[in-house]
Amino acid sequence: MLIQWFPGHMAKAKRQMEESIKRVDSLVYVLDARAPFSCINPEFDDLIGMKPVLYVINKCDLVERSAADAWLSYLRSRGMTALAISSTVGKDASKVLAALRDINREKLERNRQKGVNYALKAMVIGMPNTGKSTLINALCRGKKTVTGNKPGVTKGEQWVRLEGGLSLLDTPGTLCHSMKSEVVGLHLAFIGAVRDAVVDTTELSLEFIGFLRQNYPSTILSRYGAEEVGTPLEVLTSIAGKRGFMKKGGEEDIDKAALALIDDFRKLRLGKIILEMPDDER
């Protein structure tokens, strides 16, 4: 299943980011803990340049802590400054602020020696729906930006001033012009980084069933009481029957079952599931 989605507002956002990068000292790069590798946009490489970057593995409450720690070790082993947090947990916000000041310590020290009270500016970047705005709201200790559980909520740049002389620039989630691989596209669609309206949800659910059977066997049986044998379509049909999703005439409504399956994953009803680990083949 090949997934591509790059609407016009993302192209505009990328151009704005290229201009705004000149005005910031560092970047906060937000990754979804369920698919950290897929959330790394190679088109950001030129944008970042030599700016200090803090990688934030966000939504860690959706995966096992051991999995988040494995990704944290992986990034740090490659010389990256990284944190693993849940942006909805208040105490994690202070960790981000401390790490942000730490990666800018040389610039802060130079200005301190000059007697300059310098206000740091940082740009928050990432794929859609990784929790950038939610993180900023946590840092603000209040709702300062528009948030939502679907991609494309943040349409333009938003500056937010924090306590302690720090300003953050929230930017729209931006995908690649073309996905790095079919698997990356699927993982981004699973977590909701790709707008559901442009994806065949039923076909996506069949791909997800295949992933679950390979990596999280018995999950479907445990959640739905549905059999996991047979083709993914037969499994989805079984889920529809067990959930009572029926069309007129008594036929199983697999489209409704597909929506329920993807929604259950995103809302943690299937348990803590991670889509990729550092040692997975890419």
C-alpha atoms as a PDB file:
ATOM      1  CA  MET A   1       0.000   0.000   0.000  1.00  0.00           C
ATOM      2  CA  LEU A   2       1.733   3.150  -1.213  1.00  0.00           C
ATOM      3  CA  ILE A   3       0.860   6.311   0.716  1.00  0.00           C
ATOM      4  CA  GLN A   4       1.714   9.839  -0.419  1.00  0.00           C
ATOM      5  CA  TRP A   5       0.263  13.068   0.950  1.00  0.00           C
ATOM      6  CA  PHE A   6       1.801  16.533   0.707  1.00  0.00           C
ATOM      7  CA  PRO A   7      -0.891  19.241   0.654  1.00  0.00           C
ATOM      8  CA  GLY A   8      -0.205  22.828  -0.330  1.00  0.00           C
ATOM      9  CA  HIS A   9      -0.092  24.187   3.205  1.00  0.00           C
ATOM     10  CA  MET A  10       2.885  21.920   3.956  1.00  0.00           C
ATOM     11  CA  ALA A  11       4.861  23.306   1.026  1.00  0.00           C
ATOM     12  CA  LYS A  12       4.075  26.811   2.263  1.00  0.00           C
ATOM     13  CA  ALA A  13       5.037  25.851   5.817  1.00  0.00           C
ATOM     14  CA  LYS A  14       8.377  24.499   4.655  1.00  0.00           C
ATOM     15  CA  ARG A  15       9.158  27.780   2.890  1.00  0.00           C
ATOM     16  CA  GLN A  16       8.241  29.716   6.034  1.00  0.00           C
ATOM     17  CA  MET A  17      10.456  27.466   8.135  1.00  0.00           C
ATOM     18  CA  GLU A  18      13.385  28.099   5.801  1.00  0.00           C
ATOM     19  CA  GLU A  19      12.997  31.797   6.508  1.00  0.00           C
ATOM     20  CA  SER A  20      12.318  31.498  10.230  1.00  0.00           C
ATOM     21  CA  ILE A  21      15.310  29.234  10.897  1.00  0.00           C
ATOM     22  CA  LYS A  22      17.522  32.307  10.530  1.00  0.00           C
ATOM     23  CA  ARG A  23      15.868  33.862  13.587  1.00  0.00           C
ATOM     24  CA  VAL A  24      16.151  30.949  16.036  1.00  0.00           C
ATOM     25  CA  ASP A  25      19.028  29.573  18.078  1.00  0.00           C
ATOM     26  CA  SER A  26      18.041  25.899  18.132  1.00  0.00           C
ATOM     27  CA  LEU A  27      15.327  23.396  17.299  1.00  0.00           C
ATOM     28  CA  VAL A  28      13.066  21.008  19.182  1.00  0.00           C
ATOM     29  CA  TYR A  29      12.447  17.998  16.929  1.00  0.00           C
ATOM     30  CA  VAL A  30       9.366  16.072  18.102  1.00  0.00           C
ATOM     31  CA  LEU A  31       9.065  12.354  17.279  1.00  0.00           C
ATOM     32  CA  ASP A  32       6.171  10.000  18.023  1.00  0.00           C
ATOM     33  CA  ALA A  33       7.392   7.212  20.335  1.00  0.00           C
ATOM     34  CA  ARG A  34       5.439   4.607  18.360  1.00  0.00           C
ATOM     35  CA  ALA A  35       7.409   5.299  15.167  1.00  0.00           C
ATOM     36  CA  PRO A  36      10.501   7.458  15.838  1.00  0.00           C
ATOM     37  CA  PHE A  37      12.389   6.537  12.681  1.00  0.00           C
ATOM     38  CA  SER A  38       9.390   7.153  10.429  1.00  0.00           C
ATOM     39  CA  CYS A  39       8.928  10.565  12.071  1.00  0.00           C
ATOM     40  CA  ILE A  40      12.379  11.744  11.002  1.00  0.00           C
ATOM     41  CA  ASN A  41      11.913  13.870   7.896  1.00  0.00           C
ATOM     42  CA  PRO A  42      15.074  13.786   5.727  1.00  0.00           C
ATOM     43  CA  GLU A  43      13.968  17.054   4.123  1.00  0.00           C
ATOM     44  CA  PHE A  44      14.633  18.764   7.466  1.00  0.00           C
ATOM     45  CA  ASP A  45      18.372  17.993   7.228  1.00  0.00           C
ATOM     46  CA  ASP A  46      19.214  21.046   5.123  1.00  0.00           C
ATOM     47  CA  LEU A  47      16.857  23.161   7.204  1.00  0.00           C
ATOM     48  CA  ILE A  48      18.592  22.232  10.454  1.00  0.00           C
ATOM     49  CA  GLY A  49      22.115  22.821   9.194  1.00  0.00           C
ATOM     50  CA  MET A  50      24.448  23.382  12.141  1.00  0.00           C
ATOM     51  CA  LYS A  51      21.776  24.501  14.624  1.00  0.00           C
ATOM     52  CA  PRO A  52      21.676  22.642  17.958  1.00  0.00           C
ATOM     53  CA  VAL A  53      18.794  20.158  18.029  1.00  0.00           C
ATOM     54  CA  LEU A  54      16.910  18.598  20.921  1.00  0.00           C
ATOM     55  CA  TYR A  55      15.154  15.395  19.838  1.00  0.00           C
ATOM     56  CA  VAL A  56      12.020  14.765  21.902  1.00  0.00           C
ATOM     57  CA  ILE A  57      10.562  11.259  21.747  1.00  0.00           C
ATOM     58  CA  ASN A  58       6.998  12.177  22.642  1.00  0.00           C
ATOM     59  CA  LYS A  59       3.895  10.155  23.626  1.00  0.00           C
ATOM     60  CA  CYS A  60       5.965   7.678  25.610  1.00  0.00           C
ATOM     61  CA  ASP A  61       2.861   6.758  27.589  1.00  0.00           C
ATOM     62  CA  LEU A  62       1.694   4.895  24.457  1.00  0.00           C
ATOM     63  CA  VAL A  63       4.625   2.437  24.432  1.00  0.00           C
ATOM     64  CA  GLU A  64       6.492   0.311  26.952  1.00  0.00           C
ATOM     65  CA  ARG A  65       9.179   2.262  28.779  1.00  0.00           C
ATOM     66  CA  SER A  66      11.828  -0.252  27.697  1.00  0.00           C
ATOM     67  CA  ALA A  67      11.016   0.494  24.048  1.00  0.00           C
ATOM     68  CA  ALA A  68      11.281   4.253  24.596  1.00  0.00           C
ATOM     69  CA  ASP A  69      14.586   3.762  26.424  1.00  0.00           C
ATOM     70  CA  ALA A  70      15.911   1.692  23.508  1.00  0.00           C
ATOM     71  CA  TRP A  71      15.208   4.559  21.125  1.00  0.00           C
ATOM     72  CA  LEU A  72      16.706   7.034  23.568  1.00  0.00           C
ATOM     73  CA  SER A  73      19.929   5.020  23.717  1.00  0.00           C
ATOM     74  CA  TYR A  74      19.967   4.686  19.935  1.00  0.00           C
ATOM     75  CA  LEU A  75      19.731   8.432  19.342  1.00  0.00           C
ATOM     76  CA  ARG A  76      22.247   9.291  22.044  1.00  0.00           C
ATOM     77  CA  SER A  77      24.705   6.725  20.703  1.00  0.00           C
ATOM     78  CA  ARG A  78      24.707   8.757  17.498  1.00  0.00           C
ATOM     79  CA  GLY A  79      25.607  11.951  19.305  1.00  0.00           C
ATOM     80  CA  MET A  80      22.074  13.355  19.411  1.00  0.00           C
ATOM     81  CA  THR A  81      20.680  15.171  22.443  1.00  0.00           C
ATOM     82  CA  ALA A  82      17.425  13.361  23.177  1.00  0.00           C
ATOM     83  CA  LEU A  83      14.660  13.045  25.762  1.00  0.00           C
ATOM     84  CA  ALA A  84      11.813  10.545  26.073  1.00  0.00           C
ATOM     85  CA  ILE A  85       8.659  12.138  27.505  1.00  0.00           C
ATOM     86  CA  SER A  86       4.906  12.363  27.466  1.00  0.00           C
ATOM     87  CA  SER A  87       3.932  15.974  26.780  1.00  0.00           C
ATOM     88  CA  THR A  88       0.746  15.523  28.789  1.00  0.00           C
ATOM     89  CA  VAL A  89       2.778  14.923  31.953  1.00  0.00           C
ATOM     90  CA  GLY A  90       3.577  18.261  33.552  1.00  0.00           C
ATOM     91  CA  LYS A  91       6.895  17.291  35.141  1.00  0.00           C
ATOM     92  CA  ASP A  92       8.298  16.256  31.756  1.00  0.00           C
ATOM     93  CA  ALA A  93       7.972  19.823  30.464  1.00  0.00           C
ATOM     94  CA  SER A  94      10.678  21.055  32.845  1.00  0.00           C
ATOM     95  CA  LYS A  95      13.058  18.432  31.431  1.00  0.00           C
ATOM     96  CA  VAL A  96      12.584  19.869  27.956  1.00  0.00           C
ATOM     97  CA  LEU A  97      13.288  23.419  29.111  1.00  0.00           C
ATOM     98  CA  ALA A  98      16.429  22.334  30.971  1.00  0.00           C
ATOM     99  CA  ALA A  99      17.709  20.365  27.971  1.00  0.00           C
ATOM    100  CA  LEU A 100      16.959  23.273  25.647  1.00  0.00           C
ATOM    101  CA  ARG A 101      19.025  25.631  27.763  1.00  0.00           C
ATOM    102  CA  ASP A 102      21.775  23.027  27.957  1.00  0.00           C
ATOM    103  CA  ILE A 103      22.201  22.695  24.179  1.00  0.00           C
ATOM    104  CA  ASN A 104      22.398  26.504  24.023  1.00  0.00           C
ATOM    105  CA  ARG A 105      24.750  26.882  27.001  1.00  0.00           C
ATOM    106  CA  GLU A 106      27.707  28.131  24.945  1.00  0.00           C
ATOM    107  CA  LYS A 107      25.677  30.946  23.426  1.00  0.00           C
ATOM    108  CA  LEU A 108      24.115  31.803  26.776  1.00  0.00           C
ATOM    109  CA  GLU A 109      27.539  31.889  28.430  1.00  0.00           C
ATOM    110  CA  ARG A 110      28.990  34.145  25.741  1.00  0.00           C
ATOM    111  CA  ASN A 111      26.147  36.587  26.196  1.00  0.00           C
ATOM    112  CA  ARG A 112      26.434  36.390  29.979  1.00  0.00           C
ATOM    113  CA  GLN A 113      30.102  37.339  29.772  1.00  0.00           C
ATOM    114  CA  LYS A 114      29.126  40.313  27.611  1.00  0.00           C
ATOM    115  CA  GLY A 115      26.469  41.306  30.107  1.00  0.00           C
ATOM    116  CA  VAL A 116      23.686  40.603  27.644  1.00  0.00           C
ATOM    117  CA  ASN A 117      20.421  39.181  28.955  1.00  0.00           C
ATOM    118  CA  TYR A 118      19.656  37.130  25.860  1.00  0.00           C
ATOM    119  CA  ALA A 119      16.221  35.566  25.183  1.00  0.00           C
ATOM    120  CA  LEU A 120      16.538  32.168  23.529  1.00  0.00           C
ATOM    121  CA  LYS A 121      14.426  31.397  20.495  1.00  0.00           C
ATOM    122  CA  ALA A 122      13.698  27.812  19.437  1.00  0.00           C
ATOM    123  CA  MET A 123      11.695  26.347  16.584  1.00  0.00           C
ATOM    124  CA  VAL A 124       9.539  23.256  17.192  1.00  0.00           C
ATOM    125  CA  ILE A 125       9.440  20.952  14.154  1.00  0.00           C
ATOM    126  CA  GLY A 126       8.177  17.483  13.333  1.00  0.00           C
ATOM    127  CA  MET A 127       5.758  15.364  11.364  1.00  0.00           C
ATOM    128  CA  PRO A 128       2.004  15.999  11.739  1.00  0.00           C
ATOM    129  CA  ASN A 129       0.266  14.737  14.890  1.00  0.00           C
ATOM    130  CA  THR A 130       3.441  14.081  16.890  1.00  0.00           C
ATOM    131  CA  GLY A 131       2.255  16.355  19.705  1.00  0.00           C
ATOM    132  CA  LYS A 132       4.215  19.546  19.010  1.00  0.00           C
ATOM    133  CA  SER A 133       1.468  21.955  20.049  1.00  0.00           C
ATOM    134  CA  THR A 134       0.558  19.829  23.072  1.00  0.00           C
ATOM    135  CA  LEU A 135       4.188  19.958  24.162  1.00  0.00           C
ATOM    136  CA  ILE A 136       4.275  23.743  23.818  1.00  0.00           C
ATOM    137  CA  ASN A 137       1.056  24.034  25.816  1.00  0.00           C
ATOM    138  CA  ALA A 138       2.634  21.921  28.560  1.00  0.00           C
ATOM    139  CA  LEU A 139       5.695  24.173  28.548  1.00  0.00           C
ATOM    140  CA  CYS A 140       3.374  27.187  28.796  1.00  0.00           C
ATOM    141  CA  ARG A 141       1.410  25.508  31.596  1.00  0.00           C
ATOM    142  CA  GLY A 142      -1.698  26.460  29.741  1.00  0.00           C
ATOM    143  CA  LYS A 143      -3.411  26.312  26.369  1.00  0.00           C
ATOM    144  CA  LYS A 144      -1.593  28.778  24.106  1.00  0.00           C
ATOM    145  CA  THR A 145      -1.690  26.948  20.765  1.00  0.00           C
ATOM    146  CA  VAL A 146      -4.353  25.071  18.816  1.00  0.00           C
ATOM    147  CA  THR A 147      -4.155  21.306  19.306  1.00  0.00           C
ATOM    148  CA  GLY A 148      -5.971  18.261  17.945  1.00  0.00           C
ATOM    149  CA  ASN A 149      -5.638  14.527  17.422  1.00  0.00           C
ATOM    150  CA  LYS A 150      -5.495  14.812  13.659  1.00  0.00           C
ATOM    151  CA  PRO A 151      -2.870  16.174  11.238  1.00  0.00           C
ATOM    152  CA  GLY A 152      -3.063  19.671   9.868  1.00  0.00           C
ATOM    153  CA  VAL A 153      -4.446  21.443  12.966  1.00  0.00           C
ATOM    154  CA  THR A 154      -1.564  23.936  13.078  1.00  0.00           C
ATOM    155  CA  LYS A 155      -1.825  25.772   9.737  1.00  0.00           C
ATOM    156  CA  GLY A 156       0.747  28.506  10.272  1.00  0.00           C
ATOM    157  CA  GLU A 157       3.616  29.530  12.516  1.00  0.00           C
ATOM    158  CA  GLN A 158       2.830  30.605  16.070  1.00  0.00           C
ATOM    159  CA  TRP A 159       5.266  32.308  18.450  1.00  0.00           C
ATOM    160  CA  VAL A 160       4.802  31.526  22.138  1.00  0.00           C
ATOM    161  CA  ARG A 161       6.703  33.306  24.902  1.00  0.00           C
ATOM    162  CA  LEU A 162       7.597  31.272  27.987  1.00  0.00           C
ATOM    163  CA  GLU A 163       8.844  32.272  31.402  1.00  0.00           C
ATOM    164  CA  GLY A 164      12.565  32.796  31.779  1.00  0.00           C
ATOM    165  CA  GLY A 165      13.134  34.623  28.518  1.00  0.00           C
ATOM    166  CA  LEU A 166      12.453  31.756  26.112  1.00  0.00           C
ATOM    167  CA  SER A 167      10.326  31.932  22.967  1.00  0.00           C
ATOM    168  CA  LEU A 168       9.138  28.929  20.972  1.00  0.00           C
ATOM    169  CA  LEU A 169       7.985  28.920  17.383  1.00  0.00           C
ATOM    170  CA  ASP A 170       5.341  26.286  16.698  1.00  0.00           C
ATOM    171  CA  THR A 171       5.269  25.144  13.072  1.00  0.00           C
ATOM    172  CA  PRO A 172       2.809  23.018  11.069  1.00  0.00           C
ATOM    173  CA  GLY A 173       3.577  19.314  10.901  1.00  0.00           C
ATOM    174  CA  THR A 174       5.357  18.631   7.633  1.00  0.00           C
ATOM    175  CA  LEU A 175       5.696  15.340   5.766  1.00  0.00           C
ATOM    176  CA  CYS A 176       8.164  14.455   3.008  1.00  0.00           C
ATOM    177  CA  HIS A 177       7.310  15.136  -0.604  1.00  0.00           C
ATOM    178  CA  SER A 178       7.726  11.377  -1.022  1.00  0.00           C
ATOM    179  CA  MET A 179       7.853   8.749   1.730  1.00  0.00           C
ATOM    180  CA  LYS A 180      11.182   7.112   2.486  1.00  0.00           C
ATOM    181  CA  SER A 181       9.590   3.700   2.001  1.00  0.00           C
ATOM    182  CA  GLU A 182       6.222   1.985   1.864  1.00  0.00           C
ATOM    183  CA  VAL A 183       6.645   0.873   5.481  1.00  0.00           C
ATOM    184  CA  VAL A 184       7.319   4.445   6.615  1.00  0.00           C
ATOM    185  CA  GLY A 185       4.145   5.598   4.871  1.00  0.00           C
ATOM    186  CA  LEU A 186       2.133   2.872   6.592  1.00  0.00           C
ATOM    187  CA  HIS A 187       3.544   3.675  10.022  1.00  0.00           C
ATOM    188  CA  LEU A 188       2.768   7.369   9.610  1.00  0.00           C
ATOM    189  CA  ALA A 189      -0.765   6.519   8.495  1.00  0.00           C
ATOM    190  CA  PHE A 190      -1.221   4.156  11.468  1.00  0.00           C
ATOM    191  CA  ILE A 191      -0.387   6.910  13.982  1.00  0.00           C
ATOM    192  CA  GLY A 192      -2.523   9.506  12.199  1.00  0.00           C
ATOM    193  CA  ALA A 193       0.252  11.635  10.712  1.00  0.00           C
ATOM    194  CA  VAL A 194      -1.437  11.270   7.329  1.00  0.00           C
ATOM    195  CA  ARG A 195      -4.970  12.610   7.054  1.00  0.00           C
ATOM    196  CA  ASP A 196      -7.437   9.712   7.224  1.00  0.00           C
ATOM    197  CA  ALA A 197      -9.531  11.185   4.416  1.00  0.00           C
ATOM    198  CA  VAL A 198      -6.764  10.546   1.865  1.00  0.00           C
ATOM    199  CA  VAL A 199      -6.170   6.941   2.939  1.00  0.00           C
ATOM    200  CA  ASP A 200      -8.246   3.832   2.262  1.00  0.00           C
ATOM    201  CA  THR A 201      -8.853   2.968   5.920  1.00  0.00           C
ATOM    202  CA  THR A 202     -10.043  -0.543   5.157  1.00  0.00           C
ATOM    203  CA  GLU A 203      -6.903  -1.354   3.193  1.00  0.00           C
ATOM    204  CA  LEU A 204      -4.840   0.310   5.940  1.00  0.00           C
ATOM    205  CA  SER A 205      -6.491  -1.883   8.563  1.00  0.00           C
ATOM    206  CA  LEU A 206      -5.606  -5.003   6.577  1.00  0.00           C
ATOM    207  CA  GLU A 207      -1.957  -3.919   6.647  1.00  0.00           C
ATOM    208  CA  PHE A 208      -2.260  -3.286  10.383  1.00  0.00           C
ATOM    209  CA  ILE A 209      -3.731  -6.727  10.979  1.00  0.00           C
ATOM    210  CA  GLY A 210      -0.711  -8.207   9.227  1.00  0.00           C
ATOM    211  CA  PHE A 211       1.583  -6.167  11.488  1.00  0.00           C
ATOM    212  CA  LEU A 212      -0.269  -7.259  14.633  1.00  0.00           C
ATOM    213  CA  ARG A 213      -0.196 -10.944  13.732  1.00  0.00           C
ATOM    214  CA  GLN A 214       3.539 -10.794  13.174  1.00  0.00           C
ATOM    215  CA  ASN A 215       4.507  -8.634  16.129  1.00  0.00           C
ATOM    216  CA  TYR A 216       1.678  -8.739  18.668  1.00  0.00           C
ATOM    217  CA  PRO A 217       0.003 -12.153  18.269  1.00  0.00           C
ATOM    218  CA  SER A 218      -3.208 -12.761  20.243  1.00  0.00           C
ATOM    219  CA  THR A 219      -3.981  -9.006  20.429  1.00  0.00           C
ATOM    220  CA  ILE A 220      -6.961  -9.331  18.089  1.00  0.00           C
ATOM    221  CA  LEU A 221      -8.280 -12.395  19.914  1.00  0.00           C
ATOM    222  CA  SER A 222      -7.862 -10.685  23.283  1.00  0.00           C
ATOM    223  CA  ARG A 223      -9.563  -7.441  22.241  1.00  0.00           C
ATOM    224  CA  TYR A 224     -12.323  -8.691  19.963  1.00  0.00           C
ATOM    225  CA  GLY A 225     -12.594 -12.432  20.537  1.00  0.00           C
ATOM    226  CA  ALA A 226     -12.021 -12.743  16.798  1.00  0.00           C
ATOM    227  CA  GLU A 227     -10.022 -15.492  15.153  1.00  0.00           C
ATOM    228  CA  GLU A 228      -6.561 -14.522  13.891  1.00  0.00           C
ATOM    229  CA  VAL A 229      -6.274 -17.313  11.325  1.00  0.00           C
ATOM    230  CA  GLY A 230      -6.950 -16.837   7.634  1.00  0.00           C
ATOM    231  CA  THR A 231      -6.305 -13.816   5.462  1.00  0.00           C
ATOM    232  CA  PRO A 232      -6.327 -10.287   6.925  1.00  0.00           C
ATOM    233  CA  LEU A 233      -9.682  -9.750   5.188  1.00  0.00           C
ATOM    234  CA  GLU A 234     -11.117 -12.824   6.918  1.00  0.00           C
ATOM    235  CA  VAL A 235      -9.799 -11.544  10.249  1.00  0.00           C
ATOM    236  CA  LEU A 236     -11.350  -8.115   9.662  1.00  0.00           C
ATOM    237  CA  THR A 237     -14.643  -9.779   8.734  1.00  0.00           C
ATOM    238  CA  SER A 238     -14.474 -11.757  11.985  1.00  0.00           C
ATOM    239  CA  ILE A 239     -13.865  -8.536  13.959  1.00  0.00           C
ATOM    240  CA  ALA A 240     -16.913  -6.948  12.312  1.00  0.00           C
ATOM    241  CA  GLY A 241     -19.034  -9.936  13.288  1.00  0.00           C
ATOM    242  CA  LYS A 242     -17.800  -9.994  16.887  1.00  0.00           C
ATOM    243  CA  ARG A 243     -18.393  -6.242  17.283  1.00  0.00           C
ATOM    244  CA  GLY A 244     -21.830  -6.432  15.707  1.00  0.00           C
ATOM    245  CA  PHE A 245     -20.961  -4.234  12.748  1.00  0.00           C
ATOM    246  CA  MET A 246     -23.508  -5.436  10.205  1.00  0.00           C
ATOM    247  CA  LYS A 247     -25.008  -4.016   7.039  1.00  0.00           C
ATOM    248  CA  LYS A 248     -28.622  -4.417   6.033  1.00  0.00           C
ATOM    249  CA  GLY A 249     -29.100  -7.983   4.938  1.00  0.00           C
ATOM    250  CA  GLY A 250     -26.758  -9.407   7.566  1.00  0.00           C
ATOM    251  CA  GLU A 251     -23.423  -8.802   5.836  1.00  0.00           C
ATOM    252  CA  GLU A 252     -20.447  -7.846   8.009  1.00  0.00           C
ATOM    253  CA  ASP A 253     -19.518  -4.165   7.721  1.00  0.00           C
ATOM    254  CA  ILE A 254     -15.750  -4.420   7.304  1.00  0.00           C
ATOM    255  CA  ASP A 255     -15.365  -0.684   6.659  1.00  0.00           C
ATOM    256  CA  LYS A 256     -16.793   0.117  10.088  1.00  0.00           C
ATOM    257  CA  ALA A 257     -14.629  -2.576  11.653  1.00  0.00           C
ATOM    258  CA  ALA A 258     -11.564  -1.078   9.975  1.00  0.00           C
ATOM    259  CA  LEU A 259     -12.268   2.349  11.471  1.00  0.00           C
ATOM    260  CA  ALA A 260     -12.752   0.792  14.909  1.00  0.00           C
ATOM    261  CA  LEU A 261      -9.495  -1.166  14.701  1.00  0.00           C
ATOM    262  CA  ILE A 262      -7.353   1.852  13.789  1.00  0.00           C
ATOM    263  CA  ASP A 263      -9.116   3.981  16.405  1.00  0.00           C
ATOM    264  CA  ASP A 264      -8.555   1.333  19.066  1.00  0.00           C
ATOM    265  CA  PHE A 265      -4.837   1.339  18.300  1.00  0.00           C
ATOM    266  CA  ARG A 266      -4.527   5.111  18.476  1.00  0.00           C
ATOM    267  CA  LYS A 267      -6.478   5.284  21.749  1.00  0.00           C
ATOM    268  CA  LEU A 268      -4.453   2.535  23.451  1.00  0.00           C
ATOM    269  CA  ARG A 269      -7.355   0.066  23.599  1.00  0.00           C
ATOM    270  CA  LEU A 270      -5.129  -2.595  22.041  1.00  0.00           C
ATOM    271  CA  GLY A 271      -2.440  -2.042  24.658  1.00  0.00           C
ATOM    272  CA  LYS A 272       0.958  -0.434  24.278  1.00  0.00           C
ATOM    273  CA  ILE A 273       2.166  -1.050  20.736  1.00  0.00           C
ATOM    274  CA  ILE A 274       5.326   0.246  19.093  1.00  0.00           C
ATOM    275  CA  LEU A 275       5.632   0.028  15.325  1.00  0.00           C
ATOM    276  CA  GLU A 276       9.416   0.034  14.964  1.00  0.00           C
ATOM    277  CA  MET A 277      12.533  -0.536  17.017  1.00  0.00           C
ATOM    278  CA  PRO A 278      16.105   0.685  16.382  1.00  0.00           C
ATOM    279  CA  ASP A 279      17.315  -2.726  15.240  1.00  0.00           C
ATOM    280  CA  ASP A 280      14.510  -3.234  12.706  1.00  0.00           C
ATOM    281  CA  GLU A 281      15.638  -3.569   9.104  1.00  0.00           C
ATOM    282  CA  ARG A 282      14.842  -0.488   7.049  1.00  0.00           C
END
